[in-house]
Structures are given as C-alpha cells and as structure tokens.
Amino acid sequence: WRDLLYIAEQVFLDPLPAFKYFPSQEYLDLPNSYAGDQSK
C-alpha cells in the first residue's frame, strides 16, 4: 500500500520508472490511518 501510493502520487507519469519499487523514506514513515496514536 505504501509503494502503490508512492507510485500514484510521486512517480506518476515517469516515462522510465526504473525506481518505482523504491518508495521514499517519507512513504515508509507514512502514518497508517488505522494504526498508531494519531488514528481517528
């Protein structure tokens, strides 16, 4: 789910998405909406 959002939101239309399976640290740290103290 983290990499899918990374591809949809950041990689987007990169004509040579060679690194689309390398999500950034921002997405590895992305808070899950249904886990953790911040979740509603």
All heavy atoms as atom14 arrays in JSON, in Angstrom:
{
  "sequence": "WRDLLYIAEQVFLDPLPAFKYFPSQEYLDLPNSYAGDQSK",
  "atom14_mask": [
    [1, 1, 1, 1, 1, 1, 1, 1, 1, 1, 1, 1, 1, 1],
    [1, 1, 1, 1, 1, 1, 1, 1, 1, 1, 1, 0, 0, 0],
    [1, 1, 1, 1, 1, 1, 1, 1, 0, 0, 0, 0, 0, 0],
    [1, 1, 1, 1, 1, 1, 1, 1, 0, 0, 0, 0, 0, 0],
    [1, 1, 1, 1, 1, 1, 1, 1, 0, 0, 0, 0, 0, 0],
    [1, 1, 1, 1, 1, 1, 1, 1, 1, 1, 1, 1, 0, 0],
    [1, 1, 1, 1, 1, 1, 1, 1, 0, 0, 0, 0, 0, 0],
    [1, 1, 1, 1, 1, 0, 0, 0, 0, 0, 0, 0, 0, 0],
    [1, 1, 1, 1, 1, 1, 1, 1, 1, 0, 0, 0, 0, 0],
    [1, 1, 1, 1, 1, 1, 1, 1, 1, 0, 0, 0, 0, 0],
    [1, 1, 1, 1, 1, 1, 1, 0, 0, 0, 0, 0, 0, 0],
    [1, 1, 1, 1, 1, 1, 1, 1, 1, 1, 1, 0, 0, 0],
    [1, 1, 1, 1, 1, 1, 1, 1, 0, 0, 0, 0, 0, 0],
    [1, 1, 1, 1, 1, 1, 1, 1, 0, 0, 0, 0, 0, 0],
    [1, 1, 1, 1, 1, 1, 1, 0, 0, 0, 0, 0, 0, 0],
    [1, 1, 1, 1, 1, 1, 1, 1, 0, 0, 0, 0, 0, 0],
    [1, 1, 1, 1, 1, 1, 1, 0, 0, 0, 0, 0, 0, 0],
    [1, 1, 1, 1, 1, 0, 0, 0, 0, 0, 0, 0, 0, 0],
    [1, 1, 1, 1, 1, 1, 1, 1, 1, 1, 1, 0, 0, 0],
    [1, 1, 1, 1, 1, 1, 1, 1, 1, 0, 0, 0, 0, 0],
    [1, 1, 1, 1, 1, 1, 1, 1, 1, 1, 1, 1, 0, 0],
    [1, 1, 1, 1, 1, 1, 1, 1, 1, 1, 1, 0, 0, 0],
    [1, 1, 1, 1, 1, 1, 1, 0, 0, 0, 0, 0, 0, 0],
    [1, 1, 1, 1, 1, 1, 0, 0, 0, 0, 0, 0, 0, 0],
    [1, 1, 1, 1, 1, 1, 1, 1, 1, 0, 0, 0, 0, 0],
    [1, 1, 1, 1, 1, 1, 1, 1, 1, 0, 0, 0, 0, 0],
    [1, 1, 1, 1, 1, 1, 1, 1, 1, 1, 1, 1, 0, 0],
    [1, 1, 1, 1, 1, 1, 1, 1, 0, 0, 0, 0, 0, 0],
    [1, 1, 1, 1, 1, 1, 1, 1, 0, 0, 0, 0, 0, 0],
    [1, 1, 1, 1, 1, 1, 1, 1, 0, 0, 0, 0, 0, 0],
    [1, 1, 1, 1, 1, 1, 1, 0, 0, 0, 0, 0, 0, 0],
    [1, 1, 1, 1, 1, 1, 1, 1, 0, 0, 0, 0, 0, 0],
    [1, 1, 1, 1, 1, 1, 0, 0, 0, 0, 0, 0, 0, 0],
    [1, 1, 1, 1, 1, 1, 1, 1, 1, 1, 1, 1, 0, 0],
    [1, 1, 1, 1, 1, 0, 0, 0, 0, 0, 0, 0, 0, 0],
    [1, 1, 1, 1, 0, 0, 0, 0, 0, 0, 0, 0, 0, 0],
    [1, 1, 1, 1, 1, 1, 1, 1, 0, 0, 0, 0, 0, 0],
    [1, 1, 1, 1, 1, 1, 1, 1, 1, 0, 0, 0, 0, 0],
    [1, 1, 1, 1, 1, 1, 0, 0, 0, 0, 0, 0, 0, 0],
    [1, 1, 1, 1, 1, 1, 1, 1, 1, 0, 0, 0, 0, 0]
  ],
  "atom14_positions": [
    [[0.82, -1.2, 0.0], [0.0, 0.0, 0.0], [0.85, 1.26, 0.0], [0.48, 2.25, -0.65], [-1.0, -0.01, 1.16], [-0.49, 0.35, 2.54], [-0.13, -0.52, 3.52], [-0.34, 1.66, 3.09], [0.26, 0.16, 4.64], [0.13, 1.5, 4.42], [-0.55, 2.95, 2.62], [0.4, 2.57, 5.26], [-0.28, 4.04, 3.45], [0.19, 3.84, 4.74]],
    [[1.99, 1.22, 0.67], [2.88, 2.38, 0.7], [3.48, 2.65, -0.68], [3.52, 3.8, -1.15], [3.97, 2.19, 1.75], [3.44, 2.11, 3.16], [4.54, 1.74, 4.19], [3.96, 1.56, 5.52], [3.67, 2.51, 6.36], [3.95, 3.78, 6.02], [3.14, 2.26, 7.54], [0.0, 0.0, 0.0], [0.0, 0.0, 0.0], [0.0, 0.0, 0.0]],
    [[3.93, 1.58, -1.34], [4.54, 1.76, -2.65], [3.5, 2.11, -3.71], [3.77, 2.89, -4.63], [5.3, 0.5, -3.05], [6.28, 0.75, -4.2], [6.89, 1.85, -4.22], [6.45, -0.13, -5.06], [0.0, 0.0, 0.0], [0.0, 0.0, 0.0], [0.0, 0.0, 0.0], [0.0, 0.0, 0.0], [0.0, 0.0, 0.0], [0.0, 0.0, 0.0]],
    [[2.3, 1.56, -3.61], [1.25, 1.91, -4.55], [0.93, 3.41, -4.48], [0.78, 4.07, -5.52], [-0.02, 1.1, -4.27], [0.02, -0.38, -4.68], [-1.14, -1.14, -4.06], [-0.01, -0.54, -6.2], [0.0, 0.0, 0.0], [0.0, 0.0, 0.0], [0.0, 0.0, 0.0], [0.0, 0.0, 0.0], [0.0, 0.0, 0.0], [0.0, 0.0, 0.0]],
    [[0.83, 3.95, -3.27], [0.58, 5.38, -3.13], [1.78, 6.18, -3.61], [1.61, 7.25, -4.22], [0.25, 5.73, -1.67], [-1.1, 5.21, -1.15], [-1.35, 5.75, 0.26], [-2.25, 5.61, -2.06], [0.0, 0.0, 0.0], [0.0, 0.0, 0.0], [0.0, 0.0, 0.0], [0.0, 0.0, 0.0], [0.0, 0.0, 0.0], [0.0, 0.0, 0.0]],
    [[2.99, 5.69, -3.35], [4.19, 6.38, -3.83], [4.18, 6.48, -5.36], [4.47, 7.53, -5.93], [5.43, 5.65, -3.34], [6.73, 6.17, -3.9], [7.25, 7.39, -3.51], [7.45, 5.43, -4.86], [8.45, 7.87, -4.03], [8.65, 5.89, -5.38], [9.13, 7.12, -4.96], [10.31, 7.59, -5.49], [0.0, 0.0, 0.0], [0.0, 0.0, 0.0]],
    [[3.84, 5.38, -6.02], [3.79, 5.37, -7.48], [2.7, 6.31, -7.99], [2.92, 7.1, -8.92], [3.57, 3.94, -8.01], [4.78, 3.06, -7.68], [3.31, 3.95, -9.51], [4.56, 1.58, -7.95], [0.0, 0.0, 0.0], [0.0, 0.0, 0.0], [0.0, 0.0, 0.0], [0.0, 0.0, 0.0], [0.0, 0.0, 0.0], [0.0, 0.0, 0.0]],
    [[1.52, 6.24, -7.38], [0.38, 7.06, -7.83], [0.6, 8.54, -7.59], [0.18, 9.38, -8.4], [-0.89, 6.61, -7.13], [0.0, 0.0, 0.0], [0.0, 0.0, 0.0], [0.0, 0.0, 0.0], [0.0, 0.0, 0.0], [0.0, 0.0, 0.0], [0.0, 0.0, 0.0], [0.0, 0.0, 0.0], [0.0, 0.0, 0.0], [0.0, 0.0, 0.0]],
    [[1.27, 8.89, -6.5], [1.38, 10.29, -6.08], [2.7, 10.95, -6.47], [2.74, 12.17, -6.64], [1.19, 10.39, -4.56], [-0.19, 9.94, -4.1], [-0.34, 9.95, -2.58], [0.65, 10.2, -1.87], [-1.47, 9.7, -2.09], [0.0, 0.0, 0.0], [0.0, 0.0, 0.0], [0.0, 0.0, 0.0], [0.0, 0.0, 0.0], [0.0, 0.0, 0.0]],
    [[3.76, 10.17, -6.6], [5.08, 10.75, -6.82], [5.69, 10.33, -8.16], [6.14, 11.18, -8.93], [6.02, 10.35, -5.68], [5.56, 10.8, -4.3], [5.71, 12.3, -4.07], [6.38, 13.0, -4.83], [5.1, 12.8, -2.99], [0.0, 0.0, 0.0], [0.0, 0.0, 0.0], [0.0, 0.0, 0.0], [0.0, 0.0, 0.0], [0.0, 0.0, 0.0]],
    [[5.73, 9.03, -8.45], [6.3, 8.56, -9.71], [5.43, 9.01, -10.87], [5.92, 9.52, -11.89], [6.44, 7.02, -9.71], [6.97, 6.53, -11.05], [7.36, 6.58, -8.57], [0.0, 0.0, 0.0], [0.0, 0.0, 0.0], [0.0, 0.0, 0.0], [0.0, 0.0, 0.0], [0.0, 0.0, 0.0], [0.0, 0.0, 0.0], [0.0, 0.0, 0.0]],
    [[4.14, 8.81, -10.75], [3.1, 9.27, -11.67], [3.43, 8.87, -13.11], [3.41, 7.68, -13.42], [2.91, 10.77, -11.51], [1.66, 11.33, -12.16], [0.46, 10.67, -12.02], [1.69, 12.49, -12.91], [-0.71, 11.16, -12.61], [0.53, 13.0, -13.5], [-0.65, 12.34, -13.35], [0.0, 0.0, 0.0], [0.0, 0.0, 0.0], [0.0, 0.0, 0.0]],
    [[3.76, 9.79, -14.0], [3.93, 9.52, -15.42], [5.39, 9.46, -15.84], [5.72, 9.7, -17.01], [3.19, 10.57, -16.25], [1.68, 10.62, -16.07], [1.07, 11.68, -16.97], [1.03, 9.28, -16.34], [0.0, 0.0, 0.0], [0.0, 0.0, 0.0], [0.0, 0.0, 0.0], [0.0, 0.0, 0.0], [0.0, 0.0, 0.0], [0.0, 0.0, 0.0]],
    [[6.26, 9.14, -14.94], [7.68, 9.0, -15.28], [7.81, 8.0, -16.44], [7.42, 6.84, -16.31], [8.46, 8.49, -14.06], [9.97, 8.48, -14.29], [10.4, 8.5, -15.46], [10.72, 8.44, -13.29], [0.0, 0.0, 0.0], [0.0, 0.0, 0.0], [0.0, 0.0, 0.0], [0.0, 0.0, 0.0], [0.0, 0.0, 0.0], [0.0, 0.0, 0.0]],
    [[8.34, 8.43, -17.59], [8.41, 7.52, -18.74], [9.36, 6.35, -18.54], [9.24, 5.33, -19.2], [8.89, 8.42, -19.89], [9.51, 9.59, -19.23], [8.83, 9.78, -17.92], [0.0, 0.0, 0.0], [0.0, 0.0, 0.0], [0.0, 0.0, 0.0], [0.0, 0.0, 0.0], [0.0, 0.0, 0.0], [0.0, 0.0, 0.0], [0.0, 0.0, 0.0]],
    [[10.3, 6.46, -17.62], [11.24, 5.39, -17.3], [11.24, 5.16, -15.79], [12.19, 5.54, -15.09], [12.65, 5.71, -17.8], [12.8, 5.87, -19.32], [14.18, 6.4, -19.66], [12.57, 4.52, -20.02], [0.0, 0.0, 0.0], [0.0, 0.0, 0.0], [0.0, 0.0, 0.0], [0.0, 0.0, 0.0], [0.0, 0.0, 0.0], [0.0, 0.0, 0.0]],
    [[10.19, 4.53, -15.27], [10.04, 4.41, -13.81], [10.9, 3.28, -13.23], [10.4, 2.35, -12.59], [8.55, 4.13, -13.65], [8.19, 3.37, -14.89], [9.05, 3.92, -15.99], [0.0, 0.0, 0.0], [0.0, 0.0, 0.0], [0.0, 0.0, 0.0], [0.0, 0.0, 0.0], [0.0, 0.0, 0.0], [0.0, 0.0, 0.0], [0.0, 0.0, 0.0]],
    [[12.2, 3.36, -13.44], [13.1, 2.28, -13.03], [13.14, 2.09, -11.52], [13.45, 1.0, -11.03], [14.51, 2.55, -13.56], [0.0, 0.0, 0.0], [0.0, 0.0, 0.0], [0.0, 0.0, 0.0], [0.0, 0.0, 0.0], [0.0, 0.0, 0.0], [0.0, 0.0, 0.0], [0.0, 0.0, 0.0], [0.0, 0.0, 0.0], [0.0, 0.0, 0.0]],
    [[12.83, 3.15, -10.78], [12.94, 3.07, -9.32], [11.58, 3.2, -8.64], [11.48, 3.66, -7.51], [13.89, 4.17, -8.83], [15.3, 4.0, -9.32], [15.75, 4.73, -10.41], [16.15, 3.08, -8.73], [17.04, 4.55, -10.88], [17.44, 2.9, -9.2], [17.89, 3.63, -10.28], [0.0, 0.0, 0.0], [0.0, 0.0, 0.0], [0.0, 0.0, 0.0]],
    [[10.52, 2.77, -9.34], [9.19, 2.89, -8.74], [8.98, 1.93, -7.57], [8.05, 2.12, -6.78], [8.11, 2.66, -9.8], [8.06, 1.25, -10.39], [6.94, 1.14, -11.41], [6.88, -0.26, -12.02], [5.73, -0.4, -12.97], [0.0, 0.0, 0.0], [0.0, 0.0, 0.0], [0.0, 0.0, 0.0], [0.0, 0.0, 0.0], [0.0, 0.0, 0.0]],
    [[9.81, 0.88, -7.46], [9.71, -0.05, -6.34], [10.61, 0.36, -5.17], [10.86, -0.46, -4.27], [10.05, -1.47, -6.77], [9.14, -2.04, -7.84], [9.59, -3.04, -8.7], [7.83, -1.6, -7.98], [8.76, -3.58, -9.67], [7.0, -2.13, -8.96], [7.49, -3.13, -9.81], [6.66, -3.67, -10.78], [0.0, 0.0, 0.0], [0.0, 0.0, 0.0]],
    [[11.08, 1.6, -5.2], [11.94, 2.13, -4.13], [11.23, 3.32, -3.48], [11.62, 4.46, -3.71], [13.3, 2.56, -4.68], [14.13, 1.43, -5.23], [13.86, 0.91, -6.48], [15.17, 0.91, -4.51], [14.63, -0.13, -7.0], [15.94, -0.13, -5.01], [15.67, -0.65, -6.26], [0.0, 0.0, 0.0], [0.0, 0.0, 0.0], [0.0, 0.0, 0.0]],
    [[10.18, 3.08, -2.72], [9.48, 4.21, -2.1], [10.4, 5.01, -1.18], [11.31, 4.46, -0.55], [8.35, 3.54, -1.31], [8.83, 2.14, -1.08], [9.65, 1.78, -2.28], [0.0, 0.0, 0.0], [0.0, 0.0, 0.0], [0.0, 0.0, 0.0], [0.0, 0.0, 0.0], [0.0, 0.0, 0.0], [0.0, 0.0, 0.0], [0.0, 0.0, 0.0]],
    [[10.17, 6.29, -1.12], [10.99, 7.17, -0.3], [10.75, 6.88, 1.19], [9.76, 6.26, 1.57], [10.68, 8.63, -0.61], [9.33, 8.93, -0.26], [0.0, 0.0, 0.0], [0.0, 0.0, 0.0], [0.0, 0.0, 0.0], [0.0, 0.0, 0.0], [0.0, 0.0, 0.0], [0.0, 0.0, 0.0], [0.0, 0.0, 0.0], [0.0, 0.0, 0.0]],
    [[11.67, 7.37, 2.01], [11.52, 7.2, 3.45], [10.24, 7.85, 3.94], [9.62, 7.37, 4.91], [12.73, 7.81, 4.17], [12.8, 7.45, 5.67], [12.97, 5.97, 5.89], [13.76, 5.3, 5.23], [12.22, 5.42, 6.86], [0.0, 0.0, 0.0], [0.0, 0.0, 0.0], [0.0, 0.0, 0.0], [0.0, 0.0, 0.0], [0.0, 0.0, 0.0]],
    [[9.82, 8.91, 3.27], [8.58, 9.58, 3.64], [7.4, 8.61, 3.6], [6.52, 8.66, 4.48], [8.32, 10.75, 2.69], [6.99, 11.46, 2.92], [6.66, 12.47, 1.83], [7.48, 12.62, 0.9], [5.58, 13.09, 1.91], [0.0, 0.0, 0.0], [0.0, 0.0, 0.0], [0.0, 0.0, 0.0], [0.0, 0.0, 0.0], [0.0, 0.0, 0.0]],
    [[7.38, 7.73, 2.6], [6.27, 6.79, 2.48], [6.44, 5.58, 3.4], [5.43, 4.99, 3.83], [6.1, 6.36, 1.01], [5.35, 7.4, 0.22], [5.98, 8.54, -0.24], [3.99, 7.28, -0.03], [5.3, 9.52, -0.94], [3.29, 8.25, -0.73], [3.96, 9.37, -1.18], [3.27, 10.36, -1.87], [0.0, 0.0, 0.0], [0.0, 0.0, 0.0]],
    [[7.66, 5.2, 3.71], [7.86, 4.15, 4.7], [7.45, 4.62, 6.09], [7.03, 3.81, 6.93], [9.31, 3.69, 4.7], [9.79, 2.95, 3.44], [11.28, 2.63, 3.53], [8.99, 1.67, 3.22], [0.0, 0.0, 0.0], [0.0, 0.0, 0.0], [0.0, 0.0, 0.0], [0.0, 0.0, 0.0], [0.0, 0.0, 0.0], [0.0, 0.0, 0.0]],
    [[7.58, 5.92, 6.33], [7.17, 6.5, 7.61], [5.75, 7.04, 7.58], [5.27, 7.56, 8.6], [8.12, 7.64, 8.0], [9.51, 7.16, 8.33], [9.67, 5.97, 8.68], [10.46, 7.97, 8.22], [0.0, 0.0, 0.0], [0.0, 0.0, 0.0], [0.0, 0.0, 0.0], [0.0, 0.0, 0.0], [0.0, 0.0, 0.0], [0.0, 0.0, 0.0]],
    [[5.07, 6.91, 6.44], [3.73, 7.47, 6.31], [2.81, 6.83, 7.34], [2.67, 5.61, 7.39], [3.2, 7.2, 4.9], [1.9, 7.91, 4.49], [2.13, 9.41, 4.41], [1.43, 7.38, 3.12], [0.0, 0.0, 0.0], [0.0, 0.0, 0.0], [0.0, 0.0, 0.0], [0.0, 0.0, 0.0], [0.0, 0.0, 0.0], [0.0, 0.0, 0.0]],
    [[2.17, 7.62, 8.2], [1.31, 7.03, 9.23], [0.11, 6.31, 8.62], [-0.6, 6.87, 7.78], [0.85, 8.25, 10.06], [1.83, 9.33, 9.74], [2.27, 9.09, 8.32], [0.0, 0.0, 0.0], [0.0, 0.0, 0.0], [0.0, 0.0, 0.0], [0.0, 0.0, 0.0], [0.0, 0.0, 0.0], [0.0, 0.0, 0.0], [0.0, 0.0, 0.0]],
    [[-0.09, 5.07, 9.03], [-1.29, 4.34, 8.62], [-2.49, 4.98, 9.31], [-2.47, 5.24, 10.52], [-1.18, 2.86, 9.01], [-2.31, 2.03, 8.42], [-3.47, 2.2, 8.78], [-1.98, 1.11, 7.53], [0.0, 0.0, 0.0], [0.0, 0.0, 0.0], [0.0, 0.0, 0.0], [0.0, 0.0, 0.0], [0.0, 0.0, 0.0], [0.0, 0.0, 0.0]],
    [[-3.53, 5.24, 8.55], [-4.71, 5.92, 9.08], [-5.45, 5.12, 10.13], [-6.3, 5.67, 10.84], [-5.68, 6.27, 7.93], [-5.04, 7.06, 6.95], [0.0, 0.0, 0.0], [0.0, 0.0, 0.0], [0.0, 0.0, 0.0], [0.0, 0.0, 0.0], [0.0, 0.0, 0.0], [0.0, 0.0, 0.0], [0.0, 0.0, 0.0], [0.0, 0.0, 0.0]],
    [[-5.13, 3.81, 10.26], [-5.86, 2.94, 11.17], [-4.96, 2.24, 12.19], [-5.32, 1.21, 12.74], [-6.68, 1.94, 10.37], [-7.68, 2.63, 9.47], [-7.36, 2.98, 8.17], [-8.92, 3.02, 9.96], [-8.25, 3.65, 7.36], [-9.82, 3.7, 9.15], [-9.48, 4.01, 7.86], [-10.38, 4.69, 7.07], [0.0, 0.0, 0.0], [0.0, 0.0, 0.0]],
    [[-3.79, 2.83, 12.42], [-2.87, 2.33, 13.44], [-2.13, 3.52, 14.03], [-1.97, 4.55, 13.39], [-1.89, 1.32, 12.85], [0.0, 0.0, 0.0], [0.0, 0.0, 0.0], [0.0, 0.0, 0.0], [0.0, 0.0, 0.0], [0.0, 0.0, 0.0], [0.0, 0.0, 0.0], [0.0, 0.0, 0.0], [0.0, 0.0, 0.0], [0.0, 0.0, 0.0]],
    [[-1.66, 3.37, 15.25], [-0.92, 4.46, 15.88], [-1.82, 5.42, 16.63], [-3.04, 5.48, 16.43], [0.0, 0.0, 0.0], [0.0, 0.0, 0.0], [0.0, 0.0, 0.0], [0.0, 0.0, 0.0], [0.0, 0.0, 0.0], [0.0, 0.0, 0.0], [0.0, 0.0, 0.0], [0.0, 0.0, 0.0], [0.0, 0.0, 0.0], [0.0, 0.0, 0.0]],
    [[-1.19, 6.22, 17.47], [-1.94, 7.13, 18.34], [-2.65, 8.23, 17.57], [-3.62, 8.81, 18.07], [-0.99, 7.77, 19.37], [-0.43, 6.74, 20.34], [-1.1, 5.71, 20.58], [0.7, 6.95, 20.85], [0.0, 0.0, 0.0], [0.0, 0.0, 0.0], [0.0, 0.0, 0.0], [0.0, 0.0, 0.0], [0.0, 0.0, 0.0], [0.0, 0.0, 0.0]],
    [[-2.19, 8.52, 16.34], [-2.79, 9.64, 15.6], [-4.07, 9.25, 14.87], [-4.79, 10.13, 14.36], [-1.76, 10.18, 14.58], [-1.78, 9.54, 13.19], [-1.5, 8.07, 13.14], [-0.76, 7.6, 13.98], [-2.06, 7.31, 12.18], [0.0, 0.0, 0.0], [0.0, 0.0, 0.0], [0.0, 0.0, 0.0], [0.0, 0.0, 0.0], [0.0, 0.0, 0.0]],
    [[-4.4, 7.96, 14.82], [-5.53, 7.49, 14.02], [-6.85, 7.83, 14.68], [-7.0, 7.73, 15.9], [-5.43, 5.98, 13.8], [-5.42, 5.29, 15.02], [0.0, 0.0, 0.0], [0.0, 0.0, 0.0], [0.0, 0.0, 0.0], [0.0, 0.0, 0.0], [0.0, 0.0, 0.0], [0.0, 0.0, 0.0], [0.0, 0.0, 0.0], [0.0, 0.0, 0.0]],
    [[-7.83, 8.25, 13.87], [-9.17, 8.53, 14.36], [-9.92, 7.24, 14.68], [-10.72, 7.18, 15.61], [-9.94, 9.36, 13.33], [-9.39, 10.76, 13.13], [-10.22, 11.54, 12.13], [-9.67, 12.95, 11.94], [-10.47, 13.72, 10.93], [0.0, 0.0, 0.0], [0.0, 0.0, 0.0], [0.0, 0.0, 0.0], [0.0, 0.0, 0.0], [0.0, 0.0, 0.0]]
  ]
}
